[in-house]
Amino acid sequence: MNKEPQLGYALAARDLTTAATKSIRANNEINMFEEYFEGETAEIQQENISTQTIMIFKDPCKTKDMTRSVTKINWHPDPSEGRLAVAYAKLKFQSKDSSLMPKHSYIWNLNNPNVPEKTLDPTSPLCTITYNPKIPENIVGGAYDGSL
């Protein structure tokens, strides 16, 4: 049996241990709990945070006993377009009623938030959706059944 590979491993392990020990000791040289700048007061900038509802987009799918959530929102790559793609699904994988789930996802336009601009009708509910950043007319979606 050749002992040179074992010797090479031992040297590499020793060198790695030496480097790691040096780094650990360097980190221990600073006491992070010590007050280095006594008498200094921290400048705290307190900003009031507020929110405001601007638009509400409601899922137009009216299916009884099947509430579903937004699973992905993706804004159009060109902000001047004012569009967003929204995927809706009920993420309860391997459920018995997956064929009964509503499949539609939508493209919404910010200029008309009451009605979707386009309805997407995939073979299975979309769990994720995204615009192609270079060709925004192309959209890809990952479906509940694993297809794209």
N, C-alpha and C. Protein backbone atom coordinates (compact mmCIF):
# COMPACT_ATOMS: atom_id res chain seq x y z
N MET A 1 0.85 -1.18 0.00
CA MET A 1 0.00 0.00 0.00
C MET A 1 0.89 1.23 0.00
N ASN A 2 0.55 2.19 -0.81
CA ASN A 2 1.34 3.41 -0.96
C ASN A 2 1.00 4.38 0.17
N LYS A 3 2.04 4.84 0.91
CA LYS A 3 1.81 5.71 2.07
C LYS A 3 1.86 7.19 1.69
N GLU A 4 2.28 7.51 0.46
CA GLU A 4 2.38 8.92 0.07
C GLU A 4 1.03 9.63 0.05
N PRO A 5 -0.06 9.04 -0.47
CA PRO A 5 -1.35 9.74 -0.43
C PRO A 5 -1.80 10.01 1.00
N GLN A 6 -1.54 9.09 1.93
CA GLN A 6 -1.93 9.31 3.32
C GLN A 6 -1.13 10.46 3.93
N LEU A 7 0.15 10.53 3.59
CA LEU A 7 1.00 11.60 4.09
C LEU A 7 0.53 12.95 3.55
N GLY A 8 0.11 12.99 2.27
CA GLY A 8 -0.40 14.22 1.66
C GLY A 8 -1.67 14.70 2.36
N TYR A 9 -2.52 13.75 2.70
CA TYR A 9 -3.76 14.09 3.41
C TYR A 9 -3.44 14.65 4.79
N ALA A 10 -2.51 14.03 5.48
CA ALA A 10 -2.15 14.48 6.83
C ALA A 10 -1.57 15.89 6.79
N LEU A 11 -0.73 16.17 5.80
CA LEU A 11 -0.15 17.52 5.67
C LEU A 11 -1.23 18.55 5.36
N ALA A 12 -2.17 18.20 4.47
CA ALA A 12 -3.25 19.11 4.12
C ALA A 12 -4.14 19.39 5.33
N ALA A 13 -4.44 18.35 6.11
CA ALA A 13 -5.27 18.52 7.31
C ALA A 13 -4.55 19.40 8.33
N ARG A 14 -3.24 19.20 8.51
CA ARG A 14 -2.48 20.01 9.46
C ARG A 14 -2.48 21.47 9.03
N ASP A 15 -2.25 21.73 7.74
CA ASP A 15 -2.22 23.11 7.25
C ASP A 15 -3.59 23.77 7.40
N LEU A 16 -4.64 23.03 7.13
CA LEU A 16 -6.00 23.57 7.27
C LEU A 16 -6.30 23.87 8.73
N THR A 17 -5.91 23.01 9.63
CA THR A 17 -6.12 23.24 11.06
C THR A 17 -5.36 24.46 11.53
N THR A 18 -4.15 24.63 11.07
CA THR A 18 -3.34 25.80 11.44
C THR A 18 -4.00 27.08 10.96
N ALA A 19 -4.49 27.11 9.73
CA ALA A 19 -5.15 28.30 9.18
C ALA A 19 -6.45 28.59 9.94
N ALA A 20 -7.22 27.55 10.24
CA ALA A 20 -8.48 27.75 10.96
C ALA A 20 -8.22 28.28 12.36
N THR A 21 -7.21 27.75 13.05
CA THR A 21 -6.87 28.21 14.40
C THR A 21 -6.45 29.67 14.38
N LYS A 22 -5.67 30.06 13.39
CA LYS A 22 -5.24 31.45 13.27
C LYS A 22 -6.45 32.38 13.09
N SER A 23 -7.42 31.98 12.26
CA SER A 23 -8.63 32.79 12.04
C SER A 23 -9.47 32.89 13.30
N ILE A 24 -9.60 31.80 14.03
CA ILE A 24 -10.39 31.81 15.26
C ILE A 24 -9.76 32.73 16.29
N ARG A 25 -8.45 32.67 16.42
CA ARG A 25 -7.77 33.55 17.38
C ARG A 25 -7.90 35.02 16.97
N ALA A 26 -7.86 35.31 15.68
CA ALA A 26 -8.02 36.69 15.22
C ALA A 26 -9.41 37.22 15.56
N ASN A 27 -10.42 36.39 15.44
CA ASN A 27 -11.78 36.81 15.78
C ASN A 27 -11.96 37.01 17.28
N ASN A 28 -11.21 36.32 18.08
CA ASN A 28 -11.32 36.45 19.53
C ASN A 28 -10.61 37.69 20.05
N GLU A 29 -9.85 38.36 19.21
CA GLU A 29 -9.12 39.54 19.66
C GLU A 29 -10.03 40.75 19.86
N ILE A 30 -11.21 40.73 19.32
CA ILE A 30 -12.14 41.85 19.46
C ILE A 30 -13.25 41.42 20.43
N ASN A 31 -13.44 42.21 21.45
CA ASN A 31 -14.52 41.95 22.40
C ASN A 31 -15.73 42.73 21.90
N MET A 32 -16.70 42.05 21.34
CA MET A 32 -17.84 42.74 20.77
C MET A 32 -18.75 43.37 21.83
N PHE A 33 -18.57 43.02 23.09
CA PHE A 33 -19.39 43.60 24.14
C PHE A 33 -18.71 44.80 24.81
N GLU A 34 -17.46 45.04 24.49
CA GLU A 34 -16.74 46.16 25.09
C GLU A 34 -17.23 47.46 24.44
N GLU A 35 -17.33 48.50 25.24
CA GLU A 35 -17.76 49.79 24.71
C GLU A 35 -16.50 50.55 24.28
N TYR A 36 -16.29 50.64 23.00
CA TYR A 36 -15.10 51.25 22.44
C TYR A 36 -15.18 52.78 22.37
N PHE A 37 -16.38 53.31 22.27
CA PHE A 37 -16.56 54.75 22.12
C PHE A 37 -17.42 55.26 23.26
N GLU A 38 -16.82 55.40 24.42
CA GLU A 38 -17.57 55.86 25.60
C GLU A 38 -17.99 57.31 25.41
N GLY A 39 -19.17 57.62 25.88
CA GLY A 39 -19.68 58.99 25.80
C GLY A 39 -20.39 59.28 24.49
N GLU A 40 -20.27 58.43 23.50
CA GLU A 40 -20.95 58.64 22.22
C GLU A 40 -22.39 58.15 22.35
N THR A 41 -23.30 58.88 21.79
CA THR A 41 -24.69 58.45 21.77
C THR A 41 -25.04 58.03 20.35
N ALA A 42 -25.82 57.01 20.27
CA ALA A 42 -26.23 56.51 18.96
C ALA A 42 -27.27 57.43 18.35
N GLU A 43 -27.10 57.70 17.10
CA GLU A 43 -28.07 58.52 16.39
C GLU A 43 -29.19 57.61 15.91
N ILE A 44 -30.33 57.76 16.51
CA ILE A 44 -31.47 56.92 16.16
C ILE A 44 -32.42 57.77 15.32
N GLN A 45 -32.65 57.33 14.13
CA GLN A 45 -33.60 58.03 13.28
C GLN A 45 -34.88 57.23 13.27
N GLN A 46 -35.87 57.79 13.87
CA GLN A 46 -37.15 57.09 13.96
C GLN A 46 -38.06 57.62 12.87
N GLU A 47 -38.52 56.72 12.03
CA GLU A 47 -39.44 57.09 10.97
C GLU A 47 -40.77 56.41 11.23
N ASN A 48 -41.82 57.14 11.03
CA ASN A 48 -43.15 56.55 11.15
C ASN A 48 -43.44 55.76 9.88
N ILE A 49 -43.78 54.52 10.07
CA ILE A 49 -44.10 53.66 8.94
C ILE A 49 -45.61 53.64 8.76
N SER A 50 -46.02 53.83 7.54
CA SER A 50 -47.45 53.79 7.27
C SER A 50 -47.70 53.03 5.98
N THR A 51 -48.88 52.51 5.85
CA THR A 51 -49.27 51.81 4.64
C THR A 51 -50.56 52.41 4.11
N GLN A 52 -50.79 52.21 2.85
CA GLN A 52 -51.99 52.74 2.24
C GLN A 52 -52.42 51.76 1.15
N THR A 53 -53.68 51.41 1.13
CA THR A 53 -54.20 50.53 0.09
C THR A 53 -54.46 51.37 -1.15
N ILE A 54 -53.87 50.97 -2.25
CA ILE A 54 -54.05 51.71 -3.50
C ILE A 54 -55.02 50.99 -4.42
N MET A 55 -54.84 49.69 -4.56
CA MET A 55 -55.72 48.89 -5.43
C MET A 55 -55.96 47.54 -4.79
N ILE A 56 -57.09 46.96 -5.13
CA ILE A 56 -57.41 45.60 -4.69
C ILE A 56 -57.76 44.80 -5.93
N PHE A 57 -57.06 43.67 -6.09
CA PHE A 57 -57.33 42.78 -7.19
C PHE A 57 -58.00 41.54 -6.61
N LYS A 58 -59.24 41.27 -7.01
CA LYS A 58 -59.96 40.12 -6.48
C LYS A 58 -59.98 39.00 -7.51
N ASP A 59 -59.80 37.79 -7.02
CA ASP A 59 -59.83 36.61 -7.87
C ASP A 59 -61.24 36.50 -8.47
N PRO A 60 -61.37 36.61 -9.79
CA PRO A 60 -62.71 36.54 -10.39
C PRO A 60 -63.29 35.13 -10.45
N CYS A 61 -62.52 34.13 -10.11
CA CYS A 61 -63.00 32.75 -10.15
C CYS A 61 -64.01 32.54 -9.03
N LYS A 62 -65.18 32.14 -9.38
CA LYS A 62 -66.25 31.95 -8.40
C LYS A 62 -66.55 30.46 -8.23
N THR A 63 -65.69 29.76 -7.56
CA THR A 63 -65.88 28.34 -7.31
C THR A 63 -66.24 28.13 -5.85
N LYS A 64 -67.34 27.49 -5.61
CA LYS A 64 -67.78 27.23 -4.24
C LYS A 64 -66.89 26.17 -3.59
N ASP A 65 -66.68 26.30 -2.32
CA ASP A 65 -65.93 25.33 -1.52
C ASP A 65 -64.48 25.15 -1.98
N MET A 66 -63.94 26.09 -2.73
CA MET A 66 -62.57 25.95 -3.20
C MET A 66 -61.89 27.32 -3.15
N THR A 67 -61.53 27.74 -1.96
CA THR A 67 -60.79 28.99 -1.86
C THR A 67 -59.35 28.74 -2.26
N ARG A 68 -58.78 29.67 -2.98
CA ARG A 68 -57.40 29.52 -3.41
C ARG A 68 -56.65 30.82 -3.16
N SER A 69 -55.36 30.70 -3.10
CA SER A 69 -54.52 31.84 -2.76
C SER A 69 -53.68 32.25 -3.95
N VAL A 70 -53.17 33.46 -3.87
CA VAL A 70 -52.17 33.91 -4.83
C VAL A 70 -50.88 33.19 -4.47
N THR A 71 -50.29 32.50 -5.43
CA THR A 71 -49.05 31.78 -5.15
C THR A 71 -47.83 32.48 -5.73
N LYS A 72 -48.04 33.39 -6.69
CA LYS A 72 -46.91 34.12 -7.27
C LYS A 72 -47.42 35.36 -7.98
N ILE A 73 -46.73 36.47 -7.76
CA ILE A 73 -46.98 37.72 -8.47
C ILE A 73 -45.68 38.10 -9.16
N ASN A 74 -45.77 38.45 -10.45
CA ASN A 74 -44.59 38.86 -11.19
C ASN A 74 -44.93 40.10 -12.00
N TRP A 75 -44.18 41.16 -11.77
CA TRP A 75 -44.39 42.42 -12.48
C TRP A 75 -43.80 42.34 -13.87
N HIS A 76 -44.44 43.00 -14.82
CA HIS A 76 -43.94 43.11 -16.19
C HIS A 76 -42.56 43.76 -16.14
N PRO A 77 -41.57 43.27 -16.93
CA PRO A 77 -40.22 43.83 -16.87
C PRO A 77 -40.14 45.33 -17.20
N ASP A 78 -41.08 45.82 -18.01
CA ASP A 78 -41.11 47.24 -18.35
C ASP A 78 -42.11 47.93 -17.42
N PRO A 79 -41.65 48.73 -16.46
CA PRO A 79 -42.56 49.34 -15.48
C PRO A 79 -43.63 50.23 -16.11
N SER A 80 -43.36 50.78 -17.28
CA SER A 80 -44.35 51.65 -17.91
C SER A 80 -45.57 50.87 -18.40
N GLU A 81 -45.45 49.55 -18.54
CA GLU A 81 -46.57 48.72 -18.97
C GLU A 81 -47.67 48.63 -17.91
N GLY A 82 -47.30 48.64 -16.65
CA GLY A 82 -48.29 48.58 -15.57
C GLY A 82 -49.06 47.28 -15.53
N ARG A 83 -48.39 46.18 -15.82
CA ARG A 83 -49.05 44.87 -15.80
C ARG A 83 -48.38 43.95 -14.79
N LEU A 84 -49.17 43.03 -14.29
CA LEU A 84 -48.61 42.00 -13.44
C LEU A 84 -49.30 40.68 -13.73
N ALA A 85 -48.53 39.61 -13.68
CA ALA A 85 -49.04 38.26 -13.87
C ALA A 85 -49.23 37.65 -12.49
N VAL A 86 -50.38 37.02 -12.29
CA VAL A 86 -50.69 36.46 -10.98
C VAL A 86 -51.11 35.00 -11.14
N ALA A 87 -50.44 34.12 -10.41
CA ALA A 87 -50.79 32.70 -10.41
C ALA A 87 -51.59 32.40 -9.14
N TYR A 88 -52.66 31.66 -9.31
CA TYR A 88 -53.53 31.28 -8.19
C TYR A 88 -53.56 29.75 -8.10
N ALA A 89 -53.50 29.22 -6.90
CA ALA A 89 -53.62 27.77 -6.71
C ALA A 89 -53.92 27.49 -5.26
N LYS A 90 -54.44 26.32 -5.02
CA LYS A 90 -54.59 25.82 -3.66
C LYS A 90 -53.48 24.80 -3.48
N LEU A 91 -52.49 25.16 -2.68
CA LEU A 91 -51.30 24.32 -2.55
C LEU A 91 -51.52 23.20 -1.54
N LYS A 92 -52.29 22.24 -1.94
CA LYS A 92 -52.52 21.06 -1.12
C LYS A 92 -52.17 19.87 -2.00
N PHE A 93 -50.86 19.66 -2.14
CA PHE A 93 -50.38 18.65 -3.07
C PHE A 93 -50.84 17.25 -2.68
N GLN A 94 -51.03 16.45 -3.69
CA GLN A 94 -51.48 15.06 -3.58
C GLN A 94 -52.87 14.96 -2.96
N SER A 95 -53.68 15.99 -3.17
CA SER A 95 -55.05 15.89 -2.67
C SER A 95 -55.89 15.12 -3.68
N LYS A 96 -57.01 14.61 -3.21
CA LYS A 96 -57.85 13.79 -4.07
C LYS A 96 -58.61 14.62 -5.10
N ASP A 97 -58.83 15.90 -4.80
CA ASP A 97 -59.67 16.72 -5.66
C ASP A 97 -58.88 17.69 -6.53
N SER A 98 -57.64 17.35 -6.90
CA SER A 98 -56.82 18.29 -7.69
C SER A 98 -57.42 18.54 -9.07
N SER A 99 -58.16 17.60 -9.62
CA SER A 99 -58.78 17.81 -10.93
C SER A 99 -59.95 18.79 -10.84
N LEU A 100 -60.49 19.00 -9.66
CA LEU A 100 -61.62 19.92 -9.49
C LEU A 100 -61.18 21.35 -9.23
N MET A 101 -59.88 21.58 -9.05
CA MET A 101 -59.39 22.92 -8.75
C MET A 101 -59.57 23.85 -9.94
N PRO A 102 -59.93 25.10 -9.68
CA PRO A 102 -59.97 26.07 -10.78
C PRO A 102 -58.56 26.30 -11.32
N LYS A 103 -58.43 26.41 -12.64
CA LYS A 103 -57.11 26.47 -13.26
C LYS A 103 -56.69 27.87 -13.67
N HIS A 104 -57.58 28.81 -13.75
CA HIS A 104 -57.26 30.11 -14.33
C HIS A 104 -56.28 30.93 -13.49
N SER A 105 -55.36 31.57 -14.19
CA SER A 105 -54.50 32.61 -13.64
C SER A 105 -54.70 33.82 -14.54
N TYR A 106 -54.21 34.99 -14.10
CA TYR A 106 -54.59 36.21 -14.81
C TYR A 106 -53.42 37.16 -15.01
N ILE A 107 -53.55 38.00 -16.05
CA ILE A 107 -52.70 39.15 -16.27
C ILE A 107 -53.56 40.36 -15.92
N TRP A 108 -53.10 41.16 -14.97
CA TRP A 108 -53.85 42.34 -14.54
C TRP A 108 -53.17 43.59 -15.07
N ASN A 109 -53.97 44.60 -15.37
CA ASN A 109 -53.47 45.90 -15.79
C ASN A 109 -53.81 46.89 -14.69
N LEU A 110 -52.83 47.67 -14.27
CA LEU A 110 -53.04 48.62 -13.17
C LEU A 110 -54.05 49.71 -13.53
N ASN A 111 -54.24 49.94 -14.81
CA ASN A 111 -55.21 50.95 -15.23
C ASN A 111 -56.65 50.49 -15.08
N ASN A 112 -56.86 49.18 -14.97
CA ASN A 112 -58.20 48.63 -14.78
C ASN A 112 -58.13 47.46 -13.81
N PRO A 113 -58.12 47.73 -12.51
CA PRO A 113 -57.96 46.63 -11.54
C PRO A 113 -59.23 45.83 -11.28
N ASN A 114 -60.34 46.20 -11.90
CA ASN A 114 -61.61 45.51 -11.63
C ASN A 114 -61.78 44.23 -12.44
N VAL A 115 -61.13 44.17 -13.61
CA VAL A 115 -61.28 43.02 -14.50
C VAL A 115 -59.90 42.62 -15.01
N PRO A 116 -59.58 41.34 -15.02
CA PRO A 116 -58.27 40.95 -15.55
C PRO A 116 -58.17 41.27 -17.04
N GLU A 117 -56.97 41.66 -17.46
CA GLU A 117 -56.74 41.97 -18.87
C GLU A 117 -56.75 40.70 -19.72
N LYS A 118 -56.13 39.64 -19.20
CA LYS A 118 -56.08 38.37 -19.90
C LYS A 118 -56.30 37.24 -18.91
N THR A 119 -56.93 36.19 -19.37
CA THR A 119 -57.13 35.00 -18.55
C THR A 119 -56.26 33.89 -19.13
N LEU A 120 -55.44 33.31 -18.29
CA LEU A 120 -54.59 32.19 -18.70
C LEU A 120 -55.30 30.90 -18.31
N ASP A 121 -55.38 29.95 -19.24
CA ASP A 121 -56.09 28.70 -19.00
C ASP A 121 -55.15 27.52 -19.20
N PRO A 122 -54.28 27.25 -18.20
CA PRO A 122 -53.35 26.12 -18.34
C PRO A 122 -54.06 24.79 -18.11
N THR A 123 -53.35 23.72 -18.34
CA THR A 123 -53.94 22.38 -18.14
C THR A 123 -54.07 22.04 -16.65
N SER A 124 -53.28 22.72 -15.82
CA SER A 124 -53.30 22.50 -14.38
C SER A 124 -53.08 23.87 -13.71
N PRO A 125 -53.58 24.09 -12.48
CA PRO A 125 -53.38 25.40 -11.84
C PRO A 125 -51.90 25.77 -11.75
N LEU A 126 -51.60 27.04 -12.00
CA LEU A 126 -50.21 27.50 -11.94
C LEU A 126 -49.82 27.81 -10.49
N CYS A 127 -48.67 27.32 -10.08
CA CYS A 127 -48.12 27.61 -8.75
C CYS A 127 -47.15 28.78 -8.81
N THR A 128 -46.55 29.00 -9.98
CA THR A 128 -45.62 30.10 -10.16
C THR A 128 -45.74 30.60 -11.59
N ILE A 129 -45.39 31.86 -11.78
CA ILE A 129 -45.49 32.47 -13.10
C ILE A 129 -44.45 33.58 -13.18
N THR A 130 -43.86 33.75 -14.36
CA THR A 130 -42.88 34.83 -14.51
C THR A 130 -42.79 35.25 -15.97
N TYR A 131 -42.55 36.54 -16.15
CA TYR A 131 -42.30 37.09 -17.49
C TYR A 131 -40.86 36.78 -17.89
N ASN A 132 -40.64 36.61 -19.19
CA ASN A 132 -39.29 36.53 -19.71
C ASN A 132 -38.74 37.95 -19.70
N PRO A 133 -37.63 38.22 -18.99
CA PRO A 133 -37.14 39.60 -18.89
C PRO A 133 -36.69 40.19 -20.22
N LYS A 134 -36.30 39.35 -21.18
CA LYS A 134 -35.84 39.86 -22.48
C LYS A 134 -36.97 39.93 -23.50
N ILE A 135 -37.90 39.01 -23.43
CA ILE A 135 -39.05 39.00 -24.34
C ILE A 135 -40.31 38.93 -23.48
N PRO A 136 -40.80 40.09 -23.00
CA PRO A 136 -41.91 40.09 -22.05
C PRO A 136 -43.22 39.49 -22.57
N GLU A 137 -43.33 39.29 -23.89
CA GLU A 137 -44.54 38.66 -24.41
C GLU A 137 -44.59 37.17 -24.05
N ASN A 138 -43.43 36.63 -23.66
CA ASN A 138 -43.37 35.22 -23.27
C ASN A 138 -43.47 35.11 -21.75
N ILE A 139 -44.36 34.25 -21.32
CA ILE A 139 -44.57 34.01 -19.89
C ILE A 139 -44.42 32.51 -19.67
N VAL A 140 -43.77 32.15 -18.59
CA VAL A 140 -43.66 30.73 -18.24
C VAL A 140 -44.31 30.53 -16.88
N GLY A 141 -44.97 29.40 -16.73
CA GLY A 141 -45.62 29.09 -15.46
C GLY A 141 -45.32 27.66 -15.07
N GLY A 142 -45.12 27.46 -13.78
CA GLY A 142 -44.94 26.12 -13.24
C GLY A 142 -46.26 25.64 -12.69
N ALA A 143 -46.75 24.55 -13.23
CA ALA A 143 -48.10 24.08 -12.89
C ALA A 143 -48.10 23.10 -11.72
N TYR A 144 -49.27 22.95 -11.15
CA TYR A 144 -49.50 22.08 -10.00
C TYR A 144 -49.09 20.64 -10.30
N ASP A 145 -49.29 20.21 -11.55
CA ASP A 145 -48.97 18.84 -11.91
C ASP A 145 -47.52 18.65 -12.32
N GLY A 146 -46.69 19.71 -12.21
CA GLY A 146 -45.27 19.62 -12.51
C GLY A 146 -44.90 20.05 -13.91
N SER A 147 -45.86 20.35 -14.75
CA SER A 147 -45.55 20.77 -16.11
C SER A 147 -45.25 22.26 -16.16
N LEU A 148 -44.62 22.69 -17.27
CA LEU A 148 -44.33 24.11 -17.51
C LEU A 148 -45.19 24.60 -18.65
